[in-house]
Amino acid sequence: MNTPQTDITEQLLEAGRRGMGTSTQRAHLRVFKVSDPVTIFIRGGRCQVKIRYHDLDQVEIYARLYNAFGVRFVTEQDDAGVYIVVKRRRLLGLISRADFLVMVPRYAHLAFNLTPGAVRVEEFNGILEILPRKEAAPPLLTQISDPSLKLDKAQQKELTDGSTRNHHAG
């Protein structure tokens, strides 16, 4: 049984799928002058972020928002760095997304909080350090659904202990 709330939700989602009758794609360009040290904070949902390094003392943000009526796009700068935030609206944000090209100086520190999202680093030359995840990743052994592929307790212990002995079947 549909309630008035679910009817409204369905109508909003359908209107969003139709694109409100027109293309609702928006492009933005933001440029911020920076100096060493600087941190670039990028936070958003359903974002595709490309990072490209350059030799200028500025951060250039090229953003393309799809179904832009469903997101808020905010950029700011303070003494700590540059902030790029894409916040999806409650219902209409379900069909929205954002793509970025962020051009940063080589000395910039980058911090991402994407839920979900993807990051691609272009034209990179050097060392890239990715810190450990704060939450634990699910163990691989619990995700195996084929019983013939599961390890017995001795094999599991060998993997977790880091032992390098080989076991041969047969």
C-alpha atoms as a PDB file:
ATOM      1  CA  MET A   1       0.000   0.000   0.000  1.00  0.00           C
ATOM      2  CA  ASN A   2       1.395   3.363  -1.001  1.00  0.00           C
ATOM      3  CA  THR A   3       1.364   6.171   1.502  1.00  0.00           C
ATOM      4  CA  PRO A   4       1.346   9.831   0.455  1.00  0.00           C
ATOM      5  CA  GLN A   5       5.057   9.979   1.381  1.00  0.00           C
ATOM      6  CA  THR A   6       6.047   7.077  -0.904  1.00  0.00           C
ATOM      7  CA  ASP A   7       3.915   8.519  -3.731  1.00  0.00           C
ATOM      8  CA  ILE A   8       5.798  11.826  -3.457  1.00  0.00           C
ATOM      9  CA  THR A   9       9.135  10.010  -3.310  1.00  0.00           C
ATOM     10  CA  GLU A  10       8.305   7.988  -6.412  1.00  0.00           C
ATOM     11  CA  GLN A  11       7.186  11.121  -8.256  1.00  0.00           C
ATOM     12  CA  LEU A  12      10.407  12.952  -7.351  1.00  0.00           C
ATOM     13  CA  LEU A  13      12.575  10.035  -8.440  1.00  0.00           C
ATOM     14  CA  GLU A  14      10.674   9.696 -11.715  1.00  0.00           C
ATOM     15  CA  ALA A  15      11.044  13.442 -12.370  1.00  0.00           C
ATOM     16  CA  GLY A  16      14.767  13.112 -11.685  1.00  0.00           C
ATOM     17  CA  ARG A  17      15.091  10.155 -14.050  1.00  0.00           C
ATOM     18  CA  ARG A  18      13.473  12.194 -16.801  1.00  0.00           C
ATOM     19  CA  GLY A  19      15.988  14.958 -16.024  1.00  0.00           C
ATOM     20  CA  MET A  20      13.216  17.445 -15.275  1.00  0.00           C
ATOM     21  CA  GLY A  21      12.613  17.643 -19.008  1.00  0.00           C
ATOM     22  CA  THR A  22      16.091  18.965 -19.888  1.00  0.00           C
ATOM     23  CA  SER A  23      19.706  18.094 -19.400  1.00  0.00           C
ATOM     24  CA  THR A  24      20.741  19.138 -15.903  1.00  0.00           C
ATOM     25  CA  GLN A  25      24.476  18.903 -16.322  1.00  0.00           C
ATOM     26  CA  ARG A  26      26.521  21.758 -14.894  1.00  0.00           C
ATOM     27  CA  ALA A  27      30.209  22.571 -15.217  1.00  0.00           C
ATOM     28  CA  HIS A  28      32.213  24.606 -12.707  1.00  0.00           C
ATOM     29  CA  LEU A  29      35.746  25.966 -12.663  1.00  0.00           C
ATOM     30  CA  ARG A  30      37.375  27.165  -9.434  1.00  0.00           C
ATOM     31  CA  VAL A  31      40.976  28.349  -9.027  1.00  0.00           C
ATOM     32  CA  PHE A  32      42.683  28.924  -5.658  1.00  0.00           C
ATOM     33  CA  LYS A  33      46.161  30.386  -5.147  1.00  0.00           C
ATOM     34  CA  VAL A  34      48.118  28.275  -2.637  1.00  0.00           C
ATOM     35  CA  SER A  35      51.580  27.964  -1.111  1.00  0.00           C
ATOM     36  CA  ASP A  36      53.541  25.139   0.478  1.00  0.00           C
ATOM     37  CA  PRO A  37      52.314  23.428   2.657  1.00  0.00           C
ATOM     38  CA  VAL A  38      48.701  22.934   1.527  1.00  0.00           C
ATOM     39  CA  THR A  39      46.127  20.189   1.940  1.00  0.00           C
ATOM     40  CA  ILE A  40      43.323  19.522  -0.524  1.00  0.00           C
ATOM     41  CA  PHE A  41      40.270  17.987   1.177  1.00  0.00           C
ATOM     42  CA  ILE A  42      37.796  16.268  -1.146  1.00  0.00           C
ATOM     43  CA  ARG A  43      34.540  14.923   0.269  1.00  0.00           C
ATOM     44  CA  GLY A  44      31.549  13.599  -1.610  1.00  0.00           C
ATOM     45  CA  GLY A  45      29.315  10.754  -2.619  1.00  0.00           C
ATOM     46  CA  ARG A  46      29.206   9.158  -6.067  1.00  0.00           C
ATOM     47  CA  CYS A  47      32.278  11.088  -7.162  1.00  0.00           C
ATOM     48  CA  GLN A  48      34.901  10.279  -9.762  1.00  0.00           C
ATOM     49  CA  VAL A  49      38.046  12.285  -9.006  1.00  0.00           C
ATOM     50  CA  LYS A  50      41.060  12.663 -11.299  1.00  0.00           C
ATOM     51  CA  ILE A  51      44.180  14.210  -9.798  1.00  0.00           C
ATOM     52  CA  ARG A  52      46.781  15.787 -12.052  1.00  0.00           C
ATOM     53  CA  TYR A  53      49.965  17.409 -10.754  1.00  0.00           C
ATOM     54  CA  HIS A  54      51.383  20.622 -12.166  1.00  0.00           C
ATOM     55  CA  ASP A  55      54.119  23.136 -11.312  1.00  0.00           C
ATOM     56  CA  LEU A  56      51.880  26.116 -10.513  1.00  0.00           C
ATOM     57  CA  ASP A  57      51.092  27.513  -7.049  1.00  0.00           C
ATOM     58  CA  GLN A  58      47.374  27.047  -7.499  1.00  0.00           C
ATOM     59  CA  VAL A  59      44.638  24.458  -7.275  1.00  0.00           C
ATOM     60  CA  GLU A  60      42.339  24.203 -10.289  1.00  0.00           C
ATOM     61  CA  ILE A  61      39.032  22.389  -9.911  1.00  0.00           C
ATOM     62  CA  TYR A  62      37.091  21.392 -13.008  1.00  0.00           C
ATOM     63  CA  ALA A  63      33.781  19.905 -11.871  1.00  0.00           C
ATOM     64  CA  ARG A  64      30.975  18.385 -13.886  1.00  0.00           C
ATOM     65  CA  LEU A  65      27.758  17.681 -11.999  1.00  0.00           C
ATOM     66  CA  TYR A  66      25.208  15.289 -13.501  1.00  0.00           C
ATOM     67  CA  ASN A  67      21.565  15.769 -12.470  1.00  0.00           C
ATOM     68  CA  ALA A  68      22.875  18.788 -10.628  1.00  0.00           C
ATOM     69  CA  PHE A  69      19.542  19.532  -8.968  1.00  0.00           C
ATOM     70  CA  GLY A  70      20.323  16.637  -6.615  1.00  0.00           C
ATOM     71  CA  VAL A  71      23.654  17.895  -5.249  1.00  0.00           C
ATOM     72  CA  ARG A  72      25.204  20.869  -3.505  1.00  0.00           C
ATOM     73  CA  PHE A  73      28.711  21.778  -4.653  1.00  0.00           C
ATOM     74  CA  VAL A  74      30.850  23.902  -2.328  1.00  0.00           C
ATOM     75  CA  THR A  75      34.491  24.962  -2.510  1.00  0.00           C
ATOM     76  CA  GLU A  76      36.321  27.010   0.105  1.00  0.00           C
ATOM     77  CA  GLN A  77      39.827  27.935   1.131  1.00  0.00           C
ATOM     78  CA  ASP A  78      41.417  28.763   4.484  1.00  0.00           C
ATOM     79  CA  ASP A  79      44.909  28.690   5.991  1.00  0.00           C
ATOM     80  CA  ALA A  80      44.905  24.870   6.151  1.00  0.00           C
ATOM     81  CA  GLY A  81      43.957  24.254   2.551  1.00  0.00           C
ATOM     82  CA  VAL A  82      41.253  23.939  -0.072  1.00  0.00           C
ATOM     83  CA  TYR A  83      37.956  22.143   0.555  1.00  0.00           C
ATOM     84  CA  ILE A  84      35.850  20.531  -2.158  1.00  0.00           C
ATOM     85  CA  VAL A  85      32.500  19.160  -0.996  1.00  0.00           C
ATOM     86  CA  VAL A  86      29.689  17.540  -2.961  1.00  0.00           C
ATOM     87  CA  LYS A  87      26.684  16.791  -0.801  1.00  0.00           C
ATOM     88  CA  ARG A  88      23.827  14.806  -2.279  1.00  0.00           C
ATOM     89  CA  ARG A  89      20.314  15.935  -1.446  1.00  0.00           C
ATOM     90  CA  ARG A  90      18.147  13.464   0.407  1.00  0.00           C
ATOM     91  CA  LEU A  91      16.027  12.015  -2.421  1.00  0.00           C
ATOM     92  CA  LEU A  92      17.105  13.668  -5.631  1.00  0.00           C
ATOM     93  CA  GLY A  93      20.746  12.952  -4.862  1.00  0.00           C
ATOM     94  CA  LEU A  94      20.151   9.275  -5.556  1.00  0.00           C
ATOM     95  CA  ILE A  95      20.447   9.904  -9.296  1.00  0.00           C
ATOM     96  CA  SER A  96      23.156  12.580  -9.177  1.00  0.00           C
ATOM     97  CA  ARG A  97      26.914  12.274  -9.501  1.00  0.00           C
ATOM     98  CA  ALA A  98      30.006  14.449  -9.812  1.00  0.00           C
ATOM     99  CA  ASP A  99      33.195  14.118 -11.863  1.00  0.00           C
ATOM    100  CA  PHE A 100      36.265  16.217 -11.034  1.00  0.00           C
ATOM    101  CA  LEU A 101      39.612  17.011 -12.485  1.00  0.00           C
ATOM    102  CA  VAL A 102      41.683  18.588  -9.709  1.00  0.00           C
ATOM    103  CA  MET A 103      45.040  20.013 -10.743  1.00  0.00           C
ATOM    104  CA  VAL A 104      47.321  20.438  -7.739  1.00  0.00           C
ATOM    105  CA  PRO A 105      50.915  21.510  -7.046  1.00  0.00           C
ATOM    106  CA  ARG A 106      53.391  18.681  -6.510  1.00  0.00           C
ATOM    107  CA  TYR A 107      53.776  19.630  -2.822  1.00  0.00           C
ATOM    108  CA  ALA A 108      50.044  19.298  -2.052  1.00  0.00           C
ATOM    109  CA  HIS A 109      48.788  16.818   0.539  1.00  0.00           C
ATOM    110  CA  LEU A 110      45.554  15.104  -0.557  1.00  0.00           C
ATOM    111  CA  ALA A 111      42.763  13.851   1.721  1.00  0.00           C
ATOM    112  CA  PHE A 112      39.682  12.040   0.389  1.00  0.00           C
ATOM    113  CA  ASN A 113      36.386  11.032   1.990  1.00  0.00           C
ATOM    114  CA  LEU A 114      34.335   9.452  -0.791  1.00  0.00           C
ATOM    115  CA  THR A 115      31.143   7.504  -0.120  1.00  0.00           C
ATOM    116  CA  PRO A 116      31.407   5.823  -2.624  1.00  0.00           C
ATOM    117  CA  GLY A 117      33.813   7.126  -5.171  1.00  0.00           C
ATOM    118  CA  ALA A 118      36.937   6.576  -7.205  1.00  0.00           C
ATOM    119  CA  VAL A 119      40.275   8.369  -7.427  1.00  0.00           C
ATOM    120  CA  ARG A 120      42.617   8.326 -10.401  1.00  0.00           C
ATOM    121  CA  VAL A 121      46.064   9.912 -10.243  1.00  0.00           C
ATOM    122  CA  GLU A 122      47.342  11.033 -13.644  1.00  0.00           C
ATOM    123  CA  GLU A 123      50.848  11.976 -14.728  1.00  0.00           C
ATOM    124  CA  PHE A 124      52.298  10.828 -11.428  1.00  0.00           C
ATOM    125  CA  ASN A 125      56.032  10.433 -10.862  1.00  0.00           C
ATOM    126  CA  GLY A 126      57.225   9.580  -7.362  1.00  0.00           C
ATOM    127  CA  ILE A 127      56.115   7.785  -4.235  1.00  0.00           C
ATOM    128  CA  LEU A 128      52.440   7.435  -3.367  1.00  0.00           C
ATOM    129  CA  GLU A 129      51.643   6.390   0.187  1.00  0.00           C
ATOM    130  CA  ILE A 130      48.137   5.196   1.026  1.00  0.00           C
ATOM    131  CA  LEU A 131      47.384   4.911   4.719  1.00  0.00           C
ATOM    132  CA  PRO A 132      45.594   1.848   6.136  1.00  0.00           C
ATOM    133  CA  ARG A 133      41.812   1.791   6.194  1.00  0.00           C
ATOM    134  CA  LYS A 134      40.250   2.685   9.538  1.00  0.00           C
ATOM    135  CA  GLU A 135      37.716  -0.132   9.386  1.00  0.00           C
ATOM    136  CA  ALA A 136      38.727  -3.714   8.865  1.00  0.00           C
ATOM    137  CA  ALA A 137      38.186  -5.232   5.446  1.00  0.00           C
ATOM    138  CA  PRO A 138      36.094  -8.400   5.506  1.00  0.00           C
ATOM    139  CA  PRO A 139      38.239 -11.530   5.531  1.00  0.00           C
ATOM    140  CA  LEU A 140      38.527 -13.202   2.141  1.00  0.00           C
ATOM    141  CA  LEU A 141      37.885 -16.692   3.500  1.00  0.00           C
ATOM    142  CA  THR A 142      34.344 -15.858   4.610  1.00  0.00           C
ATOM    143  CA  GLN A 143      33.462 -14.639   1.115  1.00  0.00           C
ATOM    144  CA  ILE A 144      34.160 -17.940  -0.652  1.00  0.00           C
ATOM    145  CA  SER A 145      30.869 -19.636  -1.472  1.00  0.00           C
ATOM    146  CA  ASP A 146      32.205 -22.702  -3.335  1.00  0.00           C
ATOM    147  CA  PRO A 147      32.865 -25.416  -0.681  1.00  0.00           C
ATOM    148  CA  SER A 148      35.549 -27.033  -2.860  1.00  0.00           C
ATOM    149  CA  LEU A 149      37.629 -23.829  -2.635  1.00  0.00           C
ATOM    150  CA  LYS A 150      37.562 -23.476   1.162  1.00  0.00           C
ATOM    151  CA  LEU A 151      40.723 -24.135   3.148  1.00  0.00           C
ATOM    152  CA  ASP A 152      40.919 -26.588   6.008  1.00  0.00           C
ATOM    153  CA  LYS A 153      42.026 -25.382   9.471  1.00  0.00           C
ATOM    154  CA  ALA A 154      45.698 -26.288   8.870  1.00  0.00           C
ATOM    155  CA  GLN A 155      45.772 -24.299   5.620  1.00  0.00           C
ATOM    156  CA  GLN A 156      44.036 -21.328   7.287  1.00  0.00           C
ATOM    157  CA  LYS A 157      46.576 -21.405  10.147  1.00  0.00           C
ATOM    158  CA  GLU A 158      49.436 -21.545   7.643  1.00  0.00           C
ATOM    159  CA  LEU A 159      48.115 -18.445   5.850  1.00  0.00           C
ATOM    160  CA  THR A 160      47.536 -16.463   9.035  1.00  0.00           C
ATOM    161  CA  ASP A 161      50.904 -17.484  10.575  1.00  0.00           C
ATOM    162  CA  GLY A 162      52.763 -16.503   7.419  1.00  0.00           C
ATOM    163  CA  SER A 163      54.318 -19.948   7.068  1.00  0.00           C
ATOM    164  CA  THR A 164      55.741 -20.691   3.624  1.00  0.00           C
ATOM    165  CA  ARG A 165      55.532 -24.489   3.631  1.00  0.00           C
ATOM    166  CA  ASN A 166      53.958 -25.991   0.535  1.00  0.00           C
ATOM    167  CA  HIS A 167      51.189 -28.561   0.779  1.00  0.00           C
ATOM    168  CA  HIS A 168      50.678 -30.827  -2.210  1.00  0.00           C
ATOM    169  CA  ALA A 169      47.445 -32.681  -2.787  1.00  0.00           C
ATOM    170  CA  GLY A 170      47.578 -36.374  -3.389  1.00  0.00           C
END
